[in-house]
C-alpha atoms as a PDB file:
ATOM      1  CA  MET A   1      46.072 -39.588  63.763  1.00  0.00           C
ATOM      2  CA  ASP A   2      43.357 -41.428  61.873  1.00  0.00           C
ATOM      3  CA  ALA A   3      39.974 -40.030  60.754  1.00  0.00           C
ATOM      4  CA  GLY A   4      38.145 -41.451  63.781  1.00  0.00           C
ATOM      5  CA  GLU A   5      40.357 -39.624  66.243  1.00  0.00           C
ATOM      6  CA  ARG A   6      39.968 -36.330  64.340  1.00  0.00           C
ATOM      7  CA  LEU A   7      36.183 -36.657  64.446  1.00  0.00           C
ATOM      8  CA  GLN A   8      36.316 -37.478  68.159  1.00  0.00           C
ATOM      9  CA  ARG A   9      38.240 -34.309  68.908  1.00  0.00           C
ATOM     10  CA  LEU A  10      35.646 -32.243  67.052  1.00  0.00           C
ATOM     11  CA  LYS A  11      32.842 -33.437  69.374  1.00  0.00           C
ATOM     12  CA  PRO A  12      31.774 -31.231  72.289  1.00  0.00           C
ATOM     13  CA  GLY A  13      34.030 -31.689  75.259  1.00  0.00           C
ATOM     14  CA  GLY A  14      36.884 -33.090  73.194  1.00  0.00           C
ATOM     15  CA  ASN A  15      40.063 -31.464  72.037  1.00  0.00           C
ATOM     16  CA  THR A  16      39.018 -28.207  70.352  1.00  0.00           C
ATOM     17  CA  THR A  17      42.437 -27.190  69.024  1.00  0.00           C
ATOM     18  CA  LEU A  18      41.789 -28.578  65.585  1.00  0.00           C
ATOM     19  CA  LEU A  19      38.276 -27.066  65.536  1.00  0.00           C
ATOM     20  CA  ARG A  20      39.595 -23.597  66.375  1.00  0.00           C
ATOM     21  CA  ARG A  21      42.272 -24.003  63.738  1.00  0.00           C
ATOM     22  CA  LEU A  22      39.706 -24.947  61.131  1.00  0.00           C
ATOM     23  CA  ARG A  23      37.428 -22.090  62.167  1.00  0.00           C
ATOM     24  CA  GLY A  24      40.288 -19.647  61.872  1.00  0.00           C
ATOM     25  CA  GLN A  25      41.186 -20.856  58.419  1.00  0.00           C
ATOM     26  CA  GLY A  26      37.521 -20.666  57.398  1.00  0.00           C
ATOM     27  CA  ALA A  27      37.250 -17.108  58.670  1.00  0.00           C
ATOM     28  CA  VAL A  28      40.320 -16.082  56.723  1.00  0.00           C
ATOM     29  CA  THR A  29      38.926 -17.742  53.626  1.00  0.00           C
ATOM     30  CA  ILE A  30      35.579 -15.936  53.917  1.00  0.00           C
ATOM     31  CA  VAL A  31      37.225 -12.553  54.427  1.00  0.00           C
ATOM     32  CA  ARG A  32      39.580 -12.934  51.498  1.00  0.00           C
ATOM     33  CA  MET A  33      36.968 -14.239  49.042  1.00  0.00           C
ATOM     34  CA  PRO A  34      34.411 -11.504  48.151  1.00  0.00           C
ATOM     35  CA  SER A  35      30.772 -12.488  48.123  1.00  0.00           C
ATOM     36  CA  LEU A  36      29.562 -13.259  44.619  1.00  0.00           C
ATOM     37  CA  THR A  37      26.035 -12.132  45.420  1.00  0.00           C
ATOM     38  CA  HIS A  38      26.629  -8.926  47.334  1.00  0.00           C
ATOM     39  CA  ARG A  39      29.877  -7.566  45.857  1.00  0.00           C
ATOM     40  CA  SER A  40      30.649  -8.951  42.390  1.00  0.00           C
ATOM     41  CA  VAL A  41      27.121  -8.880  40.903  1.00  0.00           C
ATOM     42  CA  PRO A  42      24.342  -6.515  42.143  1.00  0.00           C
ATOM     43  CA  ARG A  43      21.023  -8.076  43.073  1.00  0.00           C
ATOM     44  CA  ARG A  44      19.182  -5.944  40.487  1.00  0.00           C
ATOM     45  CA  ALA A  45      21.408  -7.303  37.714  1.00  0.00           C
ATOM     46  CA  LEU A  46      20.722 -10.856  38.818  1.00  0.00           C
ATOM     47  CA  ALA A  47      16.968 -10.191  38.886  1.00  0.00           C
ATOM     48  CA  CYS A  48      17.030  -8.636  35.402  1.00  0.00           C
ATOM     49  CA  SER A  49      19.038 -11.564  34.094  1.00  0.00           C
ATOM     50  CA  ALA A  50      16.542 -14.017  35.537  1.00  0.00           C
ATOM     51  CA  LEU A  51      13.597 -12.141  34.019  1.00  0.00           C
ATOM     52  CA  LEU A  52      15.310 -11.965  30.632  1.00  0.00           C
ATOM     53  CA  THR A  53      16.030 -15.681  30.694  1.00  0.00           C
ATOM     54  CA  ALA A  54      12.413 -16.444  31.571  1.00  0.00           C
ATOM     55  CA  ALA A  55      11.114 -14.170  28.824  1.00  0.00           C
ATOM     56  CA  LEU A  56      13.376 -15.770  26.244  1.00  0.00           C
ATOM     57  CA  SER A  57      12.289 -19.210  27.351  1.00  0.00           C
ATOM     58  CA  ILE A  58       8.588 -18.334  27.119  1.00  0.00           C
ATOM     59  CA  GLY A  59       9.048 -16.598  23.757  1.00  0.00           C
ATOM     60  CA  GLY A  60      10.969 -19.515  22.333  1.00  0.00           C
ATOM     61  CA  CYS A  61       8.314 -21.974  23.397  1.00  0.00           C
ATOM     62  CA  GLY A  62       5.411 -19.857  22.105  1.00  0.00           C
ATOM     63  CA  THR A  63       6.781 -18.989  18.641  1.00  0.00           C
ATOM     64  CA  LEU A  64       4.766 -20.455  15.763  1.00  0.00           C
ATOM     65  CA  ASP A  65       6.541 -21.888  12.772  1.00  0.00           C
ATOM     66  CA  VAL A  66       4.990 -19.337  10.386  1.00  0.00           C
ATOM     67  CA  PRO A  67       6.323 -16.114   8.842  1.00  0.00           C
ATOM     68  CA  ARG A  68       5.694 -13.051  10.958  1.00  0.00           C
ATOM     69  CA  ALA A  69       3.720 -10.094   9.593  1.00  0.00           C
ATOM     70  CA  ASP A  70       5.930  -7.215   8.514  1.00  0.00           C
ATOM     71  CA  ASN A  71       5.295  -3.779   7.042  1.00  0.00           C
ATOM     72  CA  TYR A  72       6.380  -2.525   3.655  1.00  0.00           C
ATOM     73  CA  PRO A  73       8.925   0.308   3.587  1.00  0.00           C
ATOM     74  CA  PRO A  74       7.268   3.754   3.843  1.00  0.00           C
ATOM     75  CA  THR A  75       5.854   4.993   0.532  1.00  0.00           C
ATOM     76  CA  ASP A  76       3.677   7.867  -0.660  1.00  0.00           C
ATOM     77  CA  GLN A  77       0.266   7.655  -2.284  1.00  0.00           C
ATOM     78  CA  LYS A  78      -1.824  10.589  -3.455  1.00  0.00           C
ATOM     79  CA  LYS A  79      -5.409  11.188  -2.457  1.00  0.00           C
ATOM     80  CA  ALA A  80      -7.893  12.287  -5.101  1.00  0.00           C
ATOM     81  CA  ARG A  81     -10.308  14.784  -3.576  1.00  0.00           C
ATOM     82  CA  ALA A  82     -11.157  17.187  -6.405  1.00  0.00           C
ATOM     83  CA  VAL A  83     -11.634  17.357 -10.167  1.00  0.00           C
ATOM     84  CA  HIS A  84      -8.304  19.182 -10.304  1.00  0.00           C
ATOM     85  CA  HIS A  85      -6.651  15.962  -9.176  1.00  0.00           C
ATOM     86  CA  TRP A  86      -8.307  14.160 -12.097  1.00  0.00           C
ATOM     87  CA  ASP A  87      -6.866  16.820 -14.379  1.00  0.00           C
ATOM     88  CA  VAL A  88      -3.368  16.279 -12.971  1.00  0.00           C
ATOM     89  CA  LEU A  89      -3.695  12.552 -13.651  1.00  0.00           C
ATOM     90  CA  ALA A  90      -5.040  13.192 -17.174  1.00  0.00           C
ATOM     91  CA  ASP A  91      -2.094  15.458 -17.950  1.00  0.00           C
ATOM     92  CA  ASP A  92       0.337  12.812 -16.731  1.00  0.00           C
ATOM     93  CA  VAL A  93      -1.319  10.058 -18.798  1.00  0.00           C
ATOM     94  CA  ALA A  94      -1.360  12.311 -21.876  1.00  0.00           C
ATOM     95  CA  ALA A  95       2.369  12.953 -21.483  1.00  0.00           C
ATOM     96  CA  ARG A  96       3.088   9.217 -21.333  1.00  0.00           C
ATOM     97  CA  VAL A  97       0.911   8.449 -24.364  1.00  0.00           C
ATOM     98  CA  ALA A  98       2.501  11.253 -26.398  1.00  0.00           C
ATOM     99  CA  GLU A  99       5.956   9.951 -25.538  1.00  0.00           C
ATOM    100  CA  LYS A 100       4.978   6.426 -26.565  1.00  0.00           C
ATOM    101  CA  ILE A 101       3.657   7.406 -30.010  1.00  0.00           C
ATOM    102  CA  ALA A 102       6.285  10.068 -30.729  1.00  0.00           C
ATOM    103  CA  ALA A 103       7.833   7.860 -33.441  1.00  0.00           C
ATOM    104  CA  TRP A 104       4.537   7.254 -35.253  1.00  0.00           C
ATOM    105  CA  PRO A 105       3.925   9.066 -38.556  1.00  0.00           C
ATOM    106  CA  ALA A 106       2.118  12.317 -37.749  1.00  0.00           C
ATOM    107  CA  GLY A 107      -1.639  11.948 -37.998  1.00  0.00           C
ATOM    108  CA  GLU A 108      -1.550   8.480 -39.558  1.00  0.00           C
ATOM    109  CA  TYR A 109      -3.076   6.631 -36.603  1.00  0.00           C
ATOM    110  CA  PRO A 110      -5.724   8.744 -34.838  1.00  0.00           C
ATOM    111  CA  ILE A 111      -6.671   7.521 -31.361  1.00  0.00           C
ATOM    112  CA  HIS A 112     -10.208   6.908 -30.168  1.00  0.00           C
ATOM    113  CA  ILE A 113     -10.733   7.241 -26.390  1.00  0.00           C
ATOM    114  CA  THR A 114     -13.239   4.943 -24.684  1.00  0.00           C
ATOM    115  CA  VAL A 115     -14.317   4.463 -21.061  1.00  0.00           C
ATOM    116  CA  ALA A 116     -15.632   1.370 -19.328  1.00  0.00           C
ATOM    117  CA  ASP A 117     -18.869   2.883 -18.011  1.00  0.00           C
ATOM    118  CA  GLY A 118     -20.709   6.109 -17.433  1.00  0.00           C
ATOM    119  CA  SER A 119     -19.406   6.927 -13.950  1.00  0.00           C
ATOM    120  CA  ALA A 120     -18.764  10.555 -13.078  1.00  0.00           C
ATOM    121  CA  PHE A 121     -15.020   9.936 -12.988  1.00  0.00           C
ATOM    122  CA  ASN A 122     -14.854   8.149 -16.344  1.00  0.00           C
ATOM    123  CA  GLN A 123     -16.906  10.816 -18.100  1.00  0.00           C
ATOM    124  CA  GLY A 124     -14.940  13.684 -16.592  1.00  0.00           C
ATOM    125  CA  PHE A 125     -11.552  12.016 -17.007  1.00  0.00           C
ATOM    126  CA  ARG A 126     -12.245  11.282 -20.684  1.00  0.00           C
ATOM    127  CA  LYS A 127     -12.974  14.942 -21.376  1.00  0.00           C
ATOM    128  CA  LEU A 128      -9.855  16.072 -19.524  1.00  0.00           C
ATOM    129  CA  LEU A 129      -7.721  13.485 -21.301  1.00  0.00           C
ATOM    130  CA  ILE A 130      -8.947  14.628 -24.710  1.00  0.00           C
ATOM    131  CA  VAL A 131      -7.934  18.205 -23.953  1.00  0.00           C
ATOM    132  CA  ARG A 132      -4.500  17.227 -22.612  1.00  0.00           C
ATOM    133  CA  LEU A 133      -3.768  14.996 -25.622  1.00  0.00           C
ATOM    134  CA  LEU A 134      -4.798  17.726 -28.051  1.00  0.00           C
ATOM    135  CA  ASP A 135      -2.499  20.140 -26.197  1.00  0.00           C
ATOM    136  CA  ARG A 136       0.375  17.813 -27.098  1.00  0.00           C
ATOM    137  CA  GLY A 137      -0.574  17.539 -30.754  1.00  0.00           C
ATOM    138  CA  VAL A 138      -1.964  14.000 -30.600  1.00  0.00           C
ATOM    139  CA  VAL A 139      -4.501  13.318 -33.334  1.00  0.00           C
ATOM    140  CA  LEU A 140      -7.774  11.934 -31.958  1.00  0.00           C
ATOM    141  CA  SER A 141     -10.791  10.339 -33.591  1.00  0.00           C
ATOM    142  CA  THR A 142     -14.420  10.842 -32.601  1.00  0.00           C
ATOM    143  CA  GLN A 143     -15.322   7.466 -34.098  1.00  0.00           C
ATOM    144  CA  PRO A 144     -13.945   3.970 -33.420  1.00  0.00           C
ATOM    145  CA  ALA A 145     -10.521   3.683 -35.069  1.00  0.00           C
ATOM    146  CA  VAL A 146      -7.659   1.245 -35.440  1.00  0.00           C
ATOM    147  CA  VAL A 147      -5.997   2.572 -32.273  1.00  0.00           C
ATOM    148  CA  GLU A 148      -8.026   2.787 -29.058  1.00  0.00           C
ATOM    149  CA  LEU A 149      -7.161   4.280 -25.666  1.00  0.00           C
ATOM    150  CA  ALA A 150      -9.351   2.504 -23.085  1.00  0.00           C
ATOM    151  CA  VAL A 151      -9.856   4.020 -19.624  1.00  0.00           C
ATOM    152  CA  ASP A 152     -11.118   2.080 -16.601  1.00  0.00           C
ATOM    153  CA  ALA A 153     -11.456   2.799 -12.876  1.00  0.00           C
ATOM    154  CA  GLN A 154     -11.827   0.103 -10.211  1.00  0.00           C
ATOM    155  CA  ILE A 155     -12.888   0.737  -6.632  1.00  0.00           C
ATOM    156  CA  VAL A 156     -11.095  -1.242  -3.901  1.00  0.00           C
ATOM    157  CA  GLN A 157     -12.677  -1.091  -0.450  1.00  0.00           C
ATOM    158  CA  HIS A 158     -10.764  -2.829   2.349  1.00  0.00           C
ATOM    159  CA  GLN A 159     -12.923  -4.319   5.080  1.00  0.00           C
ATOM    160  CA  ALA A 160     -10.239  -4.766   7.726  1.00  0.00           C
ATOM    161  CA  PRO A 161     -10.533  -1.973  10.320  1.00  0.00           C
ATOM    162  CA  VAL A 162      -7.518   0.305  10.637  1.00  0.00           C
ATOM    163  CA  GLY A 163      -7.321   3.282  12.987  1.00  0.00           C
ATOM    164  CA  ASN A 164      -6.757   5.937  10.346  1.00  0.00           C
ATOM    165  CA  ALA A 165      -9.542   8.276  11.437  1.00  0.00           C
ATOM    166  CA  LEU A 166      -7.758   9.592  14.560  1.00  0.00           C
ATOM    167  CA  GLN A 167      -6.724  13.126  13.587  1.00  0.00           C
ATOM    168  CA  MET A 168      -4.870  14.115  16.778  1.00  0.00           C
ATOM    169  CA  PRO A 169      -3.438  10.855  18.191  1.00  0.00           C
ATOM    170  CA  TRP A 170      -0.558  12.306  20.207  1.00  0.00           C
ATOM    171  CA  THR A 171      -2.747  14.905  21.893  1.00  0.00           C
ATOM    172  CA  ARG A 172      -5.288  12.299  23.005  1.00  0.00           C
ATOM    173  CA  LEU A 173      -2.569   9.896  24.105  1.00  0.00           C
ATOM    174  CA  ALA A 174      -0.795  12.600  26.087  1.00  0.00           C
ATOM    175  CA  ALA A 175      -4.044  13.623  27.766  1.00  0.00           C
ATOM    176  CA  GLY A 176      -4.763  10.042  28.797  1.00  0.00           C
ATOM    177  CA  ILE A 177      -1.285   9.547  30.247  1.00  0.00           C
ATOM    178  CA  ALA A 178      -1.417  12.851  32.104  1.00  0.00           C
ATOM    179  CA  VAL A 179      -4.789  12.140  33.685  1.00  0.00           C
ATOM    180  CA  ALA A 180      -3.587   8.710  34.799  1.00  0.00           C
ATOM    181  CA  ARG A 181      -0.459  10.245  36.310  1.00  0.00           C
ATOM    182  CA  ASP A 182      -2.382  12.925  38.183  1.00  0.00           C
ATOM    183  CA  TRP A 183      -4.839  10.321  39.432  1.00  0.00           C
ATOM    184  CA  HIS A 184      -1.997   8.267  40.881  1.00  0.00           C
ATOM    185  CA  HIS A 185       0.111  11.045  42.405  1.00  0.00           C
ATOM    186  CA  TYR A 186      -2.331  13.805  43.187  1.00  0.00           C
ATOM    187  CA  ALA A 187      -5.713  12.073  43.425  1.00  0.00           C
ATOM    188  CA  GLN A 188      -6.987  14.426  40.731  1.00  0.00           C
ATOM    189  CA  GLY A 189      -6.042  17.414  42.847  1.00  0.00           C
ATOM    190  CA  THR A 190      -4.167  19.336  40.151  1.00  0.00           C
ATOM    191  CA  ALA A 191      -4.096  19.645  36.370  1.00  0.00           C
ATOM    192  CA  SER A 192      -0.338  20.294  36.024  1.00  0.00           C
ATOM    193  CA  GLY A 193       0.336  16.945  34.371  1.00  0.00           C
ATOM    194  CA  VAL A 194      -2.610  17.326  32.026  1.00  0.00           C
ATOM    195  CA  ALA A 195      -1.485  20.767  30.878  1.00  0.00           C
ATOM    196  CA  SER A 196       2.147  19.790  30.264  1.00  0.00           C
ATOM    197  CA  ALA A 197       1.267  16.566  28.459  1.00  0.00           C
ATOM    198  CA  LEU A 198      -1.377  18.271  26.315  1.00  0.00           C
ATOM    199  CA  GLY A 199       1.175  20.884  25.295  1.00  0.00           C
ATOM    200  CA  LEU A 200       3.646  18.206  24.219  1.00  0.00           C
ATOM    201  CA  GLY A 201       0.996  16.185  22.374  1.00  0.00           C
ATOM    202  CA  LEU A 202      -0.318  19.255  20.582  1.00  0.00           C
ATOM    203  CA  ALA A 203       3.183  20.210  19.476  1.00  0.00           C
ATOM    204  CA  MET A 204       3.783  16.737  18.014  1.00  0.00           C
ATOM    205  CA  ASP A 205       0.426  16.778  16.211  1.00  0.00           C
ATOM    206  CA  MET A 206       1.088  20.207  14.749  1.00  0.00           C
ATOM    207  CA  ALA A 207       4.476  19.042  13.504  1.00  0.00           C
ATOM    208  CA  ARG A 208       2.867  16.025  11.841  1.00  0.00           C
ATOM    209  CA  MET A 209       0.207  18.176  10.235  1.00  0.00           C
ATOM    210  CA  GLY A 210       2.915  20.523   8.973  1.00  0.00           C
ATOM    211  CA  THR A 211       4.566  17.691   7.054  1.00  0.00           C
ATOM    212  CA  ASP A 212       1.498  15.673   6.026  1.00  0.00           C
ATOM    213  CA  GLY A 213      -0.878  18.569   5.424  1.00  0.00           C
ATOM    214  CA  ALA A 214      -4.107  19.291   7.254  1.00  0.00           C
ATOM    215  CA  ALA A 215      -6.225  18.698   4.151  1.00  0.00           C
ATOM    216  CA  ALA A 216      -4.775  15.261   3.472  1.00  0.00           C
ATOM    217  CA  GLY A 217      -6.889  13.644   6.163  1.00  0.00           C
ATOM    218  CA  GLY A 218      -4.641  10.599   6.364  1.00  0.00           C
ATOM    219  CA  PRO A 219      -4.963   7.310   4.516  1.00  0.00           C
ATOM    220  CA  THR A 220      -8.329   5.683   3.967  1.00  0.00           C
ATOM    221  CA  ARG A 221      -9.534   2.141   3.481  1.00  0.00           C
ATOM    222  CA  THR A 222     -10.980   3.038   0.057  1.00  0.00           C
ATOM    223  CA  GLU A 223      -8.784   3.253  -3.023  1.00  0.00           C
ATOM    224  CA  VAL A 224      -9.257   3.604  -6.772  1.00  0.00           C
ATOM    225  CA  LEU A 225      -7.175   1.930  -9.457  1.00  0.00           C
ATOM    226  CA  VAL A 226      -7.115   3.919 -12.717  1.00  0.00           C
ATOM    227  CA  THR A 227      -5.773   2.080 -15.769  1.00  0.00           C
ATOM    228  CA  THR A 228      -5.341   3.134 -19.381  1.00  0.00           C
ATOM    229  CA  ALA A 229      -4.565   0.761 -22.241  1.00  0.00           C
ATOM    230  CA  LEU A 230      -3.456   1.745 -25.726  1.00  0.00           C
ATOM    231  CA  LYS A 231      -4.689  -1.031 -28.020  1.00  0.00           C
ATOM    232  CA  SER A 232      -4.783  -1.864 -31.707  1.00  0.00           C
ATOM    233  CA  ASN A 233      -7.008  -4.748 -32.768  1.00  0.00           C
ATOM    234  CA  ASP A 234      -5.925  -7.618 -30.498  1.00  0.00           C
ATOM    235  CA  ARG A 235      -2.620  -6.101 -29.324  1.00  0.00           C
ATOM    236  CA  TYR A 236      -1.711  -3.940 -26.350  1.00  0.00           C
ATOM    237  CA  LEU A 237       0.708  -1.176 -27.339  1.00  0.00           C
ATOM    238  CA  ALA A 238       1.145   0.651 -24.007  1.00  0.00           C
ATOM    239  CA  GLY A 239      -0.566   1.155 -20.701  1.00  0.00           C
ATOM    240  CA  SER A 240      -0.521   2.923 -17.345  1.00  0.00           C
ATOM    241  CA  ALA A 241      -1.773   2.177 -13.847  1.00  0.00           C
ATOM    242  CA  ASP A 242      -2.236   4.659 -10.996  1.00  0.00           C
ATOM    243  CA  VAL A 243      -3.594   4.141  -7.489  1.00  0.00           C
ATOM    244  CA  TYR A 244      -5.174   6.840  -5.326  1.00  0.00           C
ATOM    245  CA  TYR A 245      -6.756   7.106  -1.921  1.00  0.00           C
ATOM    246  CA  ILE A 246     -10.292   8.441  -1.929  1.00  0.00           C
ATOM    247  CA  GLU A 247     -12.828   9.085   0.783  1.00  0.00           C
ATOM    248  CA  ARG A 248     -15.372   6.311   1.220  1.00  0.00           C
ATOM    249  CA  GLU A 249     -18.189   8.736   0.556  1.00  0.00           C
ATOM    250  CA  ASP A 250     -16.640   9.618  -2.841  1.00  0.00           C
ATOM    251  CA  ALA A 251     -16.679   6.021  -4.074  1.00  0.00           C
ATOM    252  CA  VAL A 252     -19.980   6.658  -5.849  1.00  0.00           C
ATOM    253  CA  LEU A 253     -18.141   8.998  -8.260  1.00  0.00           C
ATOM    254  CA  TYR A 254     -16.151   6.048  -9.596  1.00  0.00           C
ATOM    255  CA  GLN A 255     -19.011   3.580  -9.886  1.00  0.00           C
ATOM    256  CA  ALA A 256     -21.356   3.109 -12.803  1.00  0.00           C
ATOM    257  CA  PRO A 257     -24.743   4.755 -12.273  1.00  0.00           C
ATOM    258  CA  LEU A 258     -27.547   2.468 -11.275  1.00  0.00           C
ATOM    259  CA  PRO A 259     -29.918   1.507 -14.073  1.00  0.00           C
ATOM    260  CA  PRO A 260     -33.191   3.385 -14.052  1.00  0.00           C
ATOM    261  CA  PRO A 261     -36.104   1.601 -12.443  1.00  0.00           C
ATOM    262  CA  PRO A 262     -38.458  -0.226 -14.806  1.00  0.00           C
ATOM    263  CA  PRO A 263     -41.405   1.852 -15.941  1.00  0.00           C
ATOM    264  CA  THR A 264     -44.578   1.478 -13.981  1.00  0.00           C
ATOM    265  CA  PRO A 265     -47.093  -0.536 -15.970  1.00  0.00           C
ATOM    266  CA  VAL A 266     -50.007   1.543 -17.156  1.00  0.00           C
ATOM    267  CA  LYS A 267     -53.446   0.020 -17.056  1.00  0.00           C
ATOM    268  CA  GLN A 268     -55.710   0.808 -19.955  1.00  0.00           C
ATOM    269  CA  TRP A 269     -59.442   0.855 -19.610  1.00  0.00           C
ATOM    270  CA  LYS A 270     -61.718   0.417 -22.543  1.00  0.00           C
ATOM    271  CA  VAL A 271     -65.144   1.894 -22.354  1.00  0.00           C
ATOM    272  CA  VAL A 272     -67.774  -0.317 -23.959  1.00  0.00           C
ATOM    273  CA  ALA A 273     -71.016   1.236 -25.004  1.00  0.00           C
ATOM    274  CA  PRO A 274     -74.086  -0.383 -23.458  1.00  0.00           C
END
């Protein structure tokens, strides 16, 4: 039987034996072969796969050929908030200076301490440093000498805004989420979500304050760089550099005082006899 005859028998009214045979084989084939969509792979998995593929395609097309911004590993930095903190720094600097000059002949090279300007920090730190050096037996000079220990403080104020002022972030976040949830489910008819979320947020904030300290106040956008340089003539012998957070309002303590205003001119009148 050629192809034409087989097609003729498949037409309506023709011989349907071959058609029924083919239908039967097709039915057996469908039953034996599980559906790829409904049995082998769930619809949800296929949808997730499609979304992931689309996201990867969009991300690949939108990536700029520049390095991405990344954070430094977590580090600690002290915050100077009291004169006691200046004293701690002075004691640390004195210990380093005493260790550096330990091999010098005793009393042969007295050190003269100078500061860059008359700021409150420089004046106070110089006095504290003198006391801490004398406690360690370092010979100091009240007049300029061959060896000088120069102290300087530089204020660094970052202008980029950073959300460091939020003291209770988890509590506020939890409250916002809870209110949104109650609005959606209960039309603001109950405060159960608000209470539970506030309790969780408060617990997380208290844990953070327990480790960071309530008085720390978090990082600020104002810092101070304190440097000391041990010099002799045109040579640097040793030095130190320390960085601290400070409150923005305390920056004036580390800045040179403003010059006094110029004196008001006084007019003189001369009385001439008639």
